[in-house]
Amino acid sequence: MLAEFQKRIRSFIDRHQLLEPGMKVVVAVSGGSDSLALLHVLKELRDSYQWELHVAHLNHLLRPAAGEEAAFVQGLAHRWGLPVTIGYCRVTQLASRWKVGIEEAARIARYHFLLQVARSVGAQRIAVGHHADDQVETVLFNIIRGTGPAGLAGIPWRNGPIVRPLLGVTRQEIESYCRQAGLSWCTDLSNLDTTYFRNKIRHLLLPLLKREFNPEINQAVLRLADIMEQENRFMSKYAQRLFRRLARKRGLREVEFSLPGFQQLPQAFQRRLLRIAVKTVGGSLRDLGYRHVEESLEFISNPVSFGELHLPKGVRLQKDRGVVRVCCLQGAFRGELSKDFFQELQVPGETYLPELGLVFRAEVKERWEMGELVFTRERDNYQVFFDYDKIELPLYVRNWRPGDRIKLLGLGGSKKIKKLFSDLKIPRQERWKVPLVASKETVFWVVGYRRSEEAKITSETKRILVLSVVRCEKS
């Protein structure tokens, strides 16, 4: 049974390419059966994959037993010879400050903590313990709240650095695995409290559906989620191609479309492009509901040629002179983040920057792999190419500093970054949010705006460094 369970998790990881050999992985461990099974399985598989594991636990200071659970996780990690980080936050205060519910505040705080731990230890992935029963509850939660294709697809296997290796197994299978492995776990009594909406689904709605309507309701919902994931993935890829063709990016916080071109699209793709644009500028898709999207489409289709519509979390939809524009006045994350960031880029590899919700990807390719396309494929300022052998490693992603200069491509000479920001009309209070990719001495890329003349591709280039950046929303 133990070997079979581990084989299923290994197959799921390989099939969905969740974890690659040699990676450092932060494992979120609450002390419950799901996270305990996750940690045990990854520990058993780590030698064959050469993974480095780091345990992370956040004490929300919500329950008297929370301290005991933190001590339990710390003791377990020490017994298994694994490094561990224990964090603390007062979720009730965060919920009040952010004006969200306790569950939502705990979720935001937890993911922010995990991302910070991953950055501090240099991990490429964060493994969390969501399983098939969580998937069922999430899909039902989304249906009740109101949702579209993405909500029917449920929890993704991977979102940025966050992976979920247990999505293919049930809670019952997980608890059976723990018992057979001789693992004891903590029971969170708040999971029985039906004042929480998700617990109502688990303890009241699902038993009713099984008893009165369909004893196989879990399997039916999981099939729906699987079908919708495939359908949504196909539609999303097509929408992304449309977005790349039709959208014009104006820095990290603004996207615009031709109004006639946008209006000619089917409404199904108008909805998707609007959501992509909101995510691209740093808005929150969790707060962008059906009503907001439909109001936006009605605003865009209205014959009045100008105006502005306010969307959640500082997102603005503007219409003026044949252009529809999406911009964001603040970050999507409502917590208080440090305005300073400095992080080494994984070359090659992926680097997550939690302060801005960005994923940087670095690839090293032979010249022959890309051919002459390398001179034409820099379509915007979110993917750039450099002569790898002329780059001084390591590279870092960081804020700008007084005195920073860049030798702009094609202009000759260098310019102060401060002057560049002024020329681009970037507000002073927004400038800290513009990441720079630099070595110790040289700024190579003002992300979203300009690249340097340094290390440009020539006919003599043998290896090419491909740098790209995408925005990643927390899940």
Protein backbone atom coordinates (compact mmCIF):
# COMPACT_ATOMS: atom_id res chain seq x y z
CA MET A 1 0.00 0.00 0.00
CA LEU A 2 2.75 2.48 0.91
CA ALA A 3 4.73 1.74 -2.25
CA GLU A 4 1.60 1.93 -4.41
CA PHE A 5 0.58 5.29 -2.93
CA GLN A 6 4.08 6.68 -3.44
CA LYS A 7 4.10 5.37 -7.01
CA ARG A 8 0.84 7.23 -7.74
CA ILE A 9 2.23 10.50 -6.37
CA ARG A 10 5.46 10.02 -8.33
CA SER A 11 3.48 9.37 -11.51
CA PHE A 12 1.35 12.49 -10.91
CA ILE A 13 4.46 14.61 -10.36
CA ASP A 14 6.12 13.30 -13.52
CA ARG A 15 2.99 13.51 -15.69
CA HIS A 16 2.36 17.15 -14.83
CA GLN A 17 6.07 18.07 -14.55
CA LEU A 18 5.57 19.52 -11.07
CA LEU A 19 9.09 18.94 -9.72
CA GLU A 20 12.33 18.47 -11.61
CA PRO A 21 15.40 16.57 -10.40
CA GLY A 22 17.78 18.57 -8.23
CA MET A 23 15.23 21.18 -7.16
CA LYS A 24 14.99 22.72 -3.71
CA VAL A 25 11.39 22.43 -2.50
CA VAL A 26 9.62 24.18 0.37
CA VAL A 27 6.99 21.82 1.80
CA ALA A 28 4.06 23.47 3.58
CA VAL A 29 3.25 21.38 6.66
CA SER A 30 0.32 22.28 8.90
CA GLY A 31 0.52 19.09 10.94
CA GLY A 32 -2.62 17.60 9.39
CA SER A 33 -2.73 14.23 7.65
CA ASP A 34 -2.53 15.68 4.13
CA SER A 35 0.61 17.77 4.63
CA LEU A 36 2.19 15.01 6.72
CA ALA A 37 1.64 12.45 3.94
CA LEU A 38 2.99 14.94 1.40
CA LEU A 39 6.19 15.49 3.37
CA HIS A 40 6.67 11.77 4.00
CA VAL A 41 6.24 10.86 0.31
CA LEU A 42 8.60 13.60 -0.87
CA LYS A 43 11.13 12.51 1.75
CA GLU A 44 10.91 8.93 0.48
CA LEU A 45 11.35 10.04 -3.15
CA ARG A 46 14.01 12.70 -2.61
CA ASP A 47 17.05 10.46 -3.12
CA SER A 48 15.93 9.31 -6.55
CA TYR A 49 15.22 12.93 -7.59
CA GLN A 50 18.02 14.60 -5.61
CA TRP A 51 15.54 17.05 -4.09
CA GLU A 52 16.39 19.32 -1.17
CA LEU A 53 13.40 19.68 1.16
CA HIS A 54 12.69 22.56 3.54
CA VAL A 55 9.69 22.42 5.89
CA ALA A 56 7.60 25.57 6.46
CA HIS A 57 4.80 26.10 8.98
CA LEU A 58 2.82 29.29 9.71
CA ASN A 59 1.13 29.71 13.10
CA HIS A 60 -1.93 31.93 12.56
CA LEU A 61 -2.38 32.45 16.32
CA LEU A 62 -6.09 31.66 15.96
CA ARG A 63 -6.51 28.65 18.26
CA PRO A 64 -5.07 27.51 21.61
CA ALA A 65 -3.72 24.36 19.95
CA ALA A 66 -1.82 26.30 17.28
CA GLY A 67 1.33 26.47 19.39
CA GLU A 68 1.29 22.71 19.95
CA GLU A 69 0.91 22.13 16.21
CA ALA A 70 3.89 24.38 15.46
CA ALA A 71 5.97 22.47 18.03
CA PHE A 72 4.80 19.17 16.51
CA VAL A 73 5.91 20.21 13.00
CA GLN A 74 9.25 21.51 14.29
CA GLY A 75 9.92 18.29 16.20
CA LEU A 76 8.95 16.14 13.21
CA ALA A 77 11.30 18.05 10.88
CA HIS A 78 14.17 17.69 13.34
CA ARG A 79 13.56 13.93 13.73
CA TRP A 80 13.58 13.52 9.95
CA GLY A 81 16.70 15.66 9.58
CA LEU A 82 14.99 18.40 7.58
CA PRO A 83 15.49 22.16 7.93
CA VAL A 84 12.36 23.99 9.10
CA THR A 85 11.04 27.56 9.27
CA ILE A 86 8.23 28.39 11.71
CA GLY A 87 6.42 31.68 11.15
CA TYR A 88 3.85 33.58 13.19
CA CYS A 89 1.17 36.10 12.26
CA ARG A 90 -1.97 37.44 13.94
CA VAL A 91 -4.55 36.72 11.24
CA THR A 92 -7.40 38.51 13.00
CA GLN A 93 -5.48 41.78 12.78
CA LEU A 94 -4.62 41.17 9.12
CA ALA A 95 -8.28 40.44 8.29
CA SER A 96 -9.31 43.73 9.90
CA ARG A 97 -6.54 45.67 8.14
CA TRP A 98 -7.23 44.14 4.73
CA LYS A 99 -11.02 44.18 5.18
CA VAL A 100 -11.41 40.49 4.28
CA GLY A 101 -12.70 37.43 6.16
CA ILE A 102 -10.57 35.32 8.49
CA GLU A 103 -10.31 32.47 5.96
CA GLU A 104 -9.17 34.79 3.17
CA ALA A 105 -6.69 36.62 5.40
CA ALA A 106 -5.22 33.28 6.53
CA ARG A 107 -4.89 32.14 2.90
CA ILE A 108 -3.13 35.34 1.81
CA ALA A 109 -0.82 35.32 4.84
CA ARG A 110 0.02 31.64 4.34
CA TYR A 111 1.01 31.98 0.67
CA HIS A 112 2.94 35.16 1.31
CA PHE A 113 4.86 33.41 4.10
CA LEU A 114 5.61 30.38 1.90
CA LEU A 115 6.84 32.58 -0.94
CA GLN A 116 9.09 34.50 1.42
CA VAL A 117 10.54 31.26 2.81
CA ALA A 118 11.14 29.97 -0.73
CA ARG A 119 12.98 33.15 -1.62
CA SER A 120 15.09 33.14 1.55
CA VAL A 121 16.25 29.52 1.08
CA GLY A 122 16.55 29.66 -2.73
CA ALA A 123 13.77 27.12 -3.43
CA GLN A 124 12.28 26.79 -6.91
CA ARG A 125 9.01 25.14 -5.85
CA ILE A 126 6.52 25.18 -2.97
CA ALA A 127 4.57 21.94 -2.41
CA VAL A 128 1.19 22.17 -0.67
CA GLY A 129 -1.14 19.38 0.41
CA HIS A 130 -4.41 19.99 -1.47
CA HIS A 131 -6.06 16.70 -2.43
CA ALA A 132 -9.02 15.40 -4.46
CA ASP A 133 -11.61 16.16 -1.75
CA ASP A 134 -10.35 19.75 -1.61
CA GLN A 135 -10.84 19.86 -5.37
CA VAL A 136 -14.48 18.74 -5.05
CA GLU A 137 -15.20 21.29 -2.32
CA THR A 138 -13.53 24.07 -4.32
CA VAL A 139 -15.55 23.39 -7.48
CA LEU A 140 -18.81 23.34 -5.48
CA PHE A 141 -17.75 26.50 -3.64
CA ASN A 142 -17.11 28.22 -6.98
CA ILE A 143 -20.46 27.07 -8.43
CA ILE A 144 -22.36 28.40 -5.41
CA ARG A 145 -20.48 31.70 -5.48
CA GLY A 146 -20.82 31.99 -9.26
CA THR A 147 -18.03 31.09 -11.66
CA GLY A 148 -16.87 30.51 -15.22
CA PRO A 149 -14.76 27.82 -16.91
CA ALA A 150 -11.68 28.49 -14.77
CA GLY A 151 -13.68 28.10 -11.56
CA LEU A 152 -15.17 24.81 -12.79
CA ALA A 153 -11.63 23.56 -13.41
CA GLY A 154 -10.96 24.00 -9.68
CA ILE A 155 -7.51 24.02 -8.11
CA PRO A 156 -4.62 23.95 -10.61
CA TRP A 157 -1.84 21.36 -10.31
CA ARG A 158 0.63 24.20 -10.52
CA ASN A 159 0.45 27.98 -10.29
CA GLY A 160 3.84 29.64 -10.64
CA PRO A 161 6.15 28.02 -8.06
CA ILE A 162 3.26 26.42 -6.14
CA VAL A 163 2.60 22.72 -6.87
CA ARG A 164 0.01 20.27 -5.55
CA PRO A 165 1.23 16.66 -5.85
CA LEU A 166 -1.72 15.15 -3.90
CA LEU A 167 -4.57 16.36 -6.13
CA GLY A 168 -5.02 12.85 -7.52
CA VAL A 169 -5.69 11.13 -4.16
CA THR A 170 -8.52 11.39 -1.65
CA ARG A 171 -8.55 12.32 2.03
CA GLN A 172 -9.45 8.71 2.92
CA GLU A 173 -6.46 7.37 0.96
CA ILE A 174 -4.17 9.92 2.61
CA GLU A 175 -5.29 9.00 6.14
CA SER A 176 -4.94 5.30 5.32
CA TYR A 177 -1.37 5.96 4.10
CA CYS A 178 -0.52 7.82 7.30
CA ARG A 179 -1.85 5.00 9.48
CA GLN A 180 0.08 2.34 7.56
CA ALA A 181 3.24 4.45 7.72
CA GLY A 182 2.81 4.84 11.48
CA LEU A 183 2.35 8.60 11.23
CA SER A 184 0.24 10.45 13.79
CA TRP A 185 -1.18 13.82 12.83
CA CYS A 186 -2.81 16.86 14.38
CA THR A 187 -6.57 17.34 14.06
CA ASP A 188 -7.69 20.92 13.53
CA LEU A 189 -11.04 21.12 15.32
CA SER A 190 -11.90 24.33 13.44
CA ASN A 191 -12.40 22.10 10.37
CA LEU A 192 -15.56 20.85 12.08
CA ASP A 193 -16.96 24.36 12.60
CA THR A 194 -19.81 24.84 10.11
CA THR A 195 -19.86 28.60 10.57
CA TYR A 196 -17.07 28.52 7.97
CA PHE A 197 -18.55 28.31 4.46
CA ARG A 198 -16.17 25.64 3.16
CA ASN A 199 -16.91 23.46 6.18
CA LYS A 200 -20.63 23.76 5.42
CA ILE A 201 -19.94 22.29 1.98
CA ARG A 202 -17.87 19.46 3.49
CA HIS A 203 -20.12 18.50 6.40
CA LEU A 204 -23.62 19.55 5.26
CA LEU A 205 -23.90 19.91 1.46
CA LEU A 206 -21.79 16.96 0.27
CA PRO A 207 -23.44 14.38 2.57
CA LEU A 208 -26.86 15.66 1.37
CA LEU A 209 -25.86 15.37 -2.30
CA LYS A 210 -24.49 11.85 -1.74
CA ARG A 211 -27.54 10.71 0.20
CA GLU A 212 -30.33 12.29 -1.85
CA PHE A 213 -28.96 12.80 -5.37
CA ASN A 214 -25.79 10.94 -6.37
CA PRO A 215 -23.68 8.67 -4.15
CA GLU A 216 -20.82 9.18 -6.66
CA ILE A 217 -20.99 12.98 -6.55
CA ASN A 218 -17.26 13.33 -5.77
CA GLN A 219 -16.25 11.39 -8.86
CA ALA A 220 -18.76 13.34 -10.99
CA VAL A 221 -17.36 16.69 -9.83
CA LEU A 222 -13.77 15.52 -10.36
CA ARG A 223 -14.63 14.46 -13.93
CA LEU A 224 -16.17 17.87 -14.52
CA ALA A 225 -13.06 19.59 -13.16
CA ASP A 226 -10.78 17.45 -15.34
CA ILE A 227 -12.79 18.16 -18.51
CA MET A 228 -13.02 21.87 -17.76
CA GLU A 229 -9.28 22.06 -17.02
CA GLN A 230 -8.53 20.70 -20.50
CA GLU A 231 -11.14 22.91 -22.19
CA ASN A 232 -10.03 25.99 -20.28
CA ARG A 233 -6.35 25.31 -21.00
CA PHE A 234 -7.08 25.19 -24.74
CA MET A 235 -9.19 28.36 -24.69
CA SER A 236 -6.65 30.14 -22.51
CA LYS A 237 -3.80 29.40 -24.92
CA TYR A 238 -5.84 30.80 -27.81
CA ALA A 239 -6.79 33.87 -25.75
CA GLN A 240 -3.13 34.41 -24.84
CA ARG A 241 -2.22 34.40 -28.54
CA LEU A 242 -4.96 36.95 -29.19
CA PHE A 243 -3.70 39.06 -26.30
CA ARG A 244 -0.13 39.07 -27.60
CA ARG A 245 -1.40 40.12 -31.01
CA LEU A 246 -3.87 42.81 -29.93
CA ALA A 247 -2.58 44.22 -26.64
CA ARG A 248 -0.04 47.02 -26.31
CA LYS A 249 1.76 47.05 -22.98
CA ARG A 250 2.69 50.40 -21.45
CA GLY A 251 5.01 49.31 -18.67
CA LEU A 252 4.02 46.85 -15.95
CA ARG A 253 0.82 48.62 -14.94
CA GLU A 254 -0.97 49.50 -18.17
CA VAL A 255 -2.34 47.63 -21.20
CA GLU A 256 -4.35 49.04 -24.08
CA PHE A 257 -6.31 47.67 -27.05
CA SER A 258 -7.74 49.18 -30.19
CA LEU A 259 -11.39 49.78 -29.30
CA PRO A 260 -12.80 48.69 -32.71
CA GLY A 261 -10.59 45.60 -32.72
CA PHE A 262 -11.68 44.61 -29.20
CA GLN A 263 -15.37 45.16 -30.00
CA GLN A 264 -15.15 42.85 -33.01
CA LEU A 265 -14.14 39.88 -30.85
CA PRO A 266 -16.75 37.35 -29.65
CA GLN A 267 -17.80 38.15 -26.08
CA ALA A 268 -16.25 34.89 -24.86
CA PHE A 269 -12.83 36.18 -25.86
CA GLN A 270 -13.55 39.73 -24.73
CA ARG A 271 -14.07 38.32 -21.22
CA ARG A 272 -10.84 36.35 -21.36
CA LEU A 273 -8.76 39.23 -22.72
CA LEU A 274 -10.13 41.53 -20.04
CA ARG A 275 -9.15 39.06 -17.32
CA ILE A 276 -5.68 38.59 -18.85
CA ALA A 277 -5.25 42.37 -18.95
CA VAL A 278 -6.31 42.78 -15.29
CA LYS A 279 -3.84 40.09 -14.23
CA THR A 280 -1.09 41.56 -16.43
CA VAL A 281 -1.31 44.99 -14.79
CA GLY A 282 -1.27 43.51 -11.28
CA GLY A 283 -4.98 43.38 -10.44
CA SER A 284 -6.66 40.57 -8.53
CA LEU A 285 -8.72 38.03 -10.46
CA ARG A 286 -10.15 36.67 -7.19
CA ASP A 287 -11.95 39.99 -6.74
CA LEU A 288 -13.04 40.37 -10.37
CA GLY A 289 -16.52 38.85 -10.33
CA TYR A 290 -19.13 38.21 -13.03
CA ARG A 291 -20.80 41.56 -12.39
CA HIS A 292 -17.51 43.43 -12.85
CA VAL A 293 -16.74 41.67 -16.14
CA GLU A 294 -20.23 42.21 -17.56
CA GLU A 295 -20.23 45.88 -16.52
CA SER A 296 -16.84 46.22 -18.23
CA LEU A 297 -18.09 44.71 -21.50
CA GLU A 298 -21.18 46.92 -21.40
CA PHE A 299 -18.94 49.95 -20.78
CA ILE A 300 -16.71 49.02 -23.73
CA SER A 301 -19.65 48.44 -26.10
CA ASN A 302 -21.42 51.69 -25.10
CA PRO A 303 -21.36 54.18 -28.02
CA VAL A 304 -20.08 56.95 -25.73
CA SER A 305 -16.47 57.30 -26.87
CA PHE A 306 -14.79 58.11 -23.56
CA GLY A 307 -15.06 57.45 -19.82
CA GLU A 308 -13.63 55.45 -16.92
CA LEU A 309 -14.89 52.47 -14.93
CA HIS A 310 -13.50 51.56 -11.49
CA LEU A 311 -12.84 47.85 -10.84
CA PRO A 312 -11.70 46.18 -7.57
CA LYS A 313 -8.26 46.75 -6.02
CA GLY A 314 -7.33 49.91 -7.87
CA VAL A 315 -7.91 48.63 -11.44
CA ARG A 316 -9.28 51.21 -13.89
CA LEU A 317 -10.88 50.61 -17.29
CA GLN A 318 -10.62 53.65 -19.52
CA LYS A 319 -11.99 54.42 -22.98
CA ASP A 320 -10.69 57.32 -25.04
CA ARG A 321 -9.98 58.15 -28.70
CA GLY A 322 -10.55 54.69 -30.10
CA VAL A 323 -8.54 52.97 -27.34
CA VAL A 324 -9.63 50.83 -24.38
CA ARG A 325 -7.07 50.88 -21.57
CA VAL A 326 -6.64 48.74 -18.43
CA CYS A 327 -4.39 50.13 -15.71
CA CYS A 328 -3.73 49.50 -12.03
CA LEU A 329 -3.08 52.09 -9.34
CA GLN A 330 -1.88 49.59 -6.72
CA GLY A 331 -0.56 46.04 -6.35
CA ALA A 332 -2.87 43.06 -6.19
CA PHE A 333 -1.64 41.92 -2.77
CA ARG A 334 -3.13 43.94 0.05
CA GLY A 335 -0.53 43.18 2.66
CA GLU A 336 2.33 45.42 3.64
CA LEU A 337 5.31 44.32 1.58
CA SER A 338 8.83 45.62 1.84
CA LYS A 339 9.59 48.12 -0.90
CA ASP A 340 13.13 46.81 -1.23
CA PHE A 341 13.95 43.63 -3.10
CA PHE A 342 17.22 42.07 -4.15
CA GLN A 343 17.35 38.50 -5.38
CA GLU A 344 19.75 36.40 -7.41
CA LEU A 345 18.31 35.09 -10.68
CA GLN A 346 18.47 31.36 -11.29
CA VAL A 347 20.31 30.98 -14.62
CA PRO A 348 18.99 28.78 -16.08
CA GLY A 349 15.76 28.38 -14.14
CA GLU A 350 12.83 30.29 -12.65
CA THR A 351 12.93 32.96 -9.96
CA TYR A 352 9.82 34.16 -8.15
CA LEU A 353 9.67 37.77 -6.92
CA PRO A 354 6.84 37.89 -4.35
CA GLU A 355 7.00 41.67 -3.86
CA LEU A 356 5.66 42.16 -7.40
CA GLY A 357 4.13 38.74 -8.10
CA LEU A 358 6.49 38.16 -11.04
CA VAL A 359 8.20 35.02 -12.32
CA PHE A 360 11.52 35.51 -14.15
CA ARG A 361 12.56 32.73 -16.52
CA ALA A 362 16.09 32.31 -17.78
CA GLU A 363 17.10 29.89 -20.55
CA VAL A 364 20.48 29.35 -22.17
CA LYS A 365 20.21 28.27 -25.82
CA GLU A 366 22.70 27.51 -28.53
CA ARG A 367 22.64 29.99 -31.39
CA TRP A 368 21.71 27.34 -33.91
CA GLU A 369 18.55 26.54 -31.90
CA MET A 370 17.14 30.02 -32.57
CA GLY A 371 18.63 30.92 -35.94
CA GLU A 372 18.00 34.39 -37.32
CA LEU A 373 14.71 34.67 -35.43
CA VAL A 374 16.72 35.97 -32.50
CA PHE A 375 16.90 39.35 -34.24
CA THR A 376 13.12 39.64 -34.64
CA ARG A 377 11.53 37.86 -31.68
CA GLU A 378 11.85 40.62 -29.06
CA ARG A 379 8.26 41.71 -29.65
CA ASP A 380 8.00 43.68 -26.41
CA ASN A 381 9.99 44.51 -23.32
CA TYR A 382 8.99 41.35 -21.44
CA GLN A 383 11.34 39.00 -23.28
CA VAL A 384 14.91 39.93 -24.14
CA PHE A 385 17.96 38.16 -25.59
CA PHE A 386 21.60 38.59 -24.62
CA ASP A 387 24.91 37.09 -25.64
CA TYR A 388 25.34 34.65 -22.75
CA ASP A 389 29.14 34.60 -22.96
CA LYS A 390 29.28 38.39 -22.52
CA ILE A 391 27.12 38.39 -19.39
CA GLU A 392 28.79 38.66 -16.01
CA LEU A 393 27.11 36.20 -13.63
CA PRO A 394 25.47 36.16 -11.20
CA LEU A 395 22.57 38.32 -12.29
CA TYR A 396 20.21 39.92 -9.80
CA VAL A 397 16.71 41.38 -9.92
CA ARG A 398 16.42 44.47 -7.73
CA ASN A 399 15.02 47.97 -7.32
CA TRP A 400 16.75 50.92 -8.96
CA ARG A 401 19.31 52.81 -6.89
CA PRO A 402 20.45 56.43 -7.06
CA GLY A 403 23.25 56.65 -9.61
CA ASP A 404 22.12 53.61 -11.64
CA ARG A 405 22.77 54.05 -15.36
CA ILE A 406 21.94 52.02 -18.46
CA LYS A 407 23.53 52.02 -21.92
CA LEU A 408 20.34 52.03 -23.98
CA LEU A 409 20.20 49.84 -27.07
CA GLY A 410 20.80 51.81 -30.26
CA LEU A 411 21.22 55.22 -28.63
CA GLY A 412 24.91 55.27 -27.74
CA GLY A 413 26.18 56.52 -24.39
CA SER A 414 24.41 55.87 -21.11
CA LYS A 415 21.48 57.42 -19.28
CA LYS A 416 20.61 57.63 -15.61
CA ILE A 417 17.74 55.32 -14.72
CA LYS A 418 16.16 58.22 -12.82
CA LYS A 419 16.15 60.31 -16.02
CA LEU A 420 14.75 57.35 -17.98
CA PHE A 421 11.88 57.04 -15.48
CA SER A 422 11.21 60.75 -15.82
CA ASP A 423 11.19 60.53 -19.64
CA LEU A 424 8.77 57.59 -19.44
CA LYS A 425 6.55 59.58 -17.03
CA ILE A 426 6.63 56.88 -14.36
CA PRO A 427 5.32 58.41 -11.09
CA ARG A 428 7.90 58.63 -8.30
CA GLN A 429 5.84 56.45 -5.97
CA GLU A 430 5.69 53.71 -8.63
CA ARG A 431 9.38 53.59 -9.53
CA TRP A 432 10.36 51.12 -6.80
CA LYS A 433 8.05 48.60 -8.49
CA VAL A 434 10.06 48.58 -11.74
CA PRO A 435 12.56 45.70 -11.47
CA LEU A 436 16.05 45.91 -12.91
CA VAL A 437 18.08 42.89 -14.03
CA ALA A 438 21.72 43.66 -13.34
CA SER A 439 25.10 42.21 -12.51
CA LYS A 440 27.20 43.80 -9.77
CA GLU A 441 28.31 46.53 -12.16
CA THR A 442 25.92 46.65 -15.14
CA VAL A 443 22.18 47.19 -15.60
CA PHE A 444 21.06 44.96 -18.47
CA TRP A 445 17.29 45.36 -18.43
CA VAL A 446 14.75 47.85 -17.07
CA VAL A 447 11.95 45.28 -17.10
CA GLY A 448 8.95 46.29 -19.15
CA TYR A 449 10.65 49.36 -20.62
CA ARG A 450 14.19 49.22 -22.03
CA ARG A 451 17.13 46.85 -22.47
CA SER A 452 20.83 47.61 -22.57
CA GLU A 453 23.24 47.72 -25.47
CA GLU A 454 25.54 45.54 -23.35
CA ALA A 455 25.87 41.88 -24.39
CA LYS A 456 23.69 42.34 -27.47
CA ILE A 457 23.45 39.53 -30.03
CA THR A 458 25.93 39.70 -32.90
CA SER A 459 27.01 37.42 -35.74
CA GLU A 460 29.72 36.09 -33.42
CA THR A 461 27.26 35.03 -30.68
CA LYS A 462 27.40 31.33 -29.84
CA ARG A 463 25.08 31.03 -26.81
CA ILE A 464 21.99 33.09 -26.10
CA LEU A 465 20.49 34.00 -22.72
CA VAL A 466 16.70 34.30 -23.04
CA LEU A 467 15.13 36.28 -20.18
CA SER A 468 11.37 36.63 -19.84
CA VAL A 469 8.97 37.74 -17.15
CA VAL A 470 5.33 36.88 -16.51
CA ARG A 471 2.95 37.86 -13.77
CA CYS A 472 1.83 35.10 -11.45
CA GLU A 473 -1.24 35.37 -9.24
CA LYS A 474 -1.29 33.63 -5.88
CA SER A 475 -3.70 30.78 -5.57
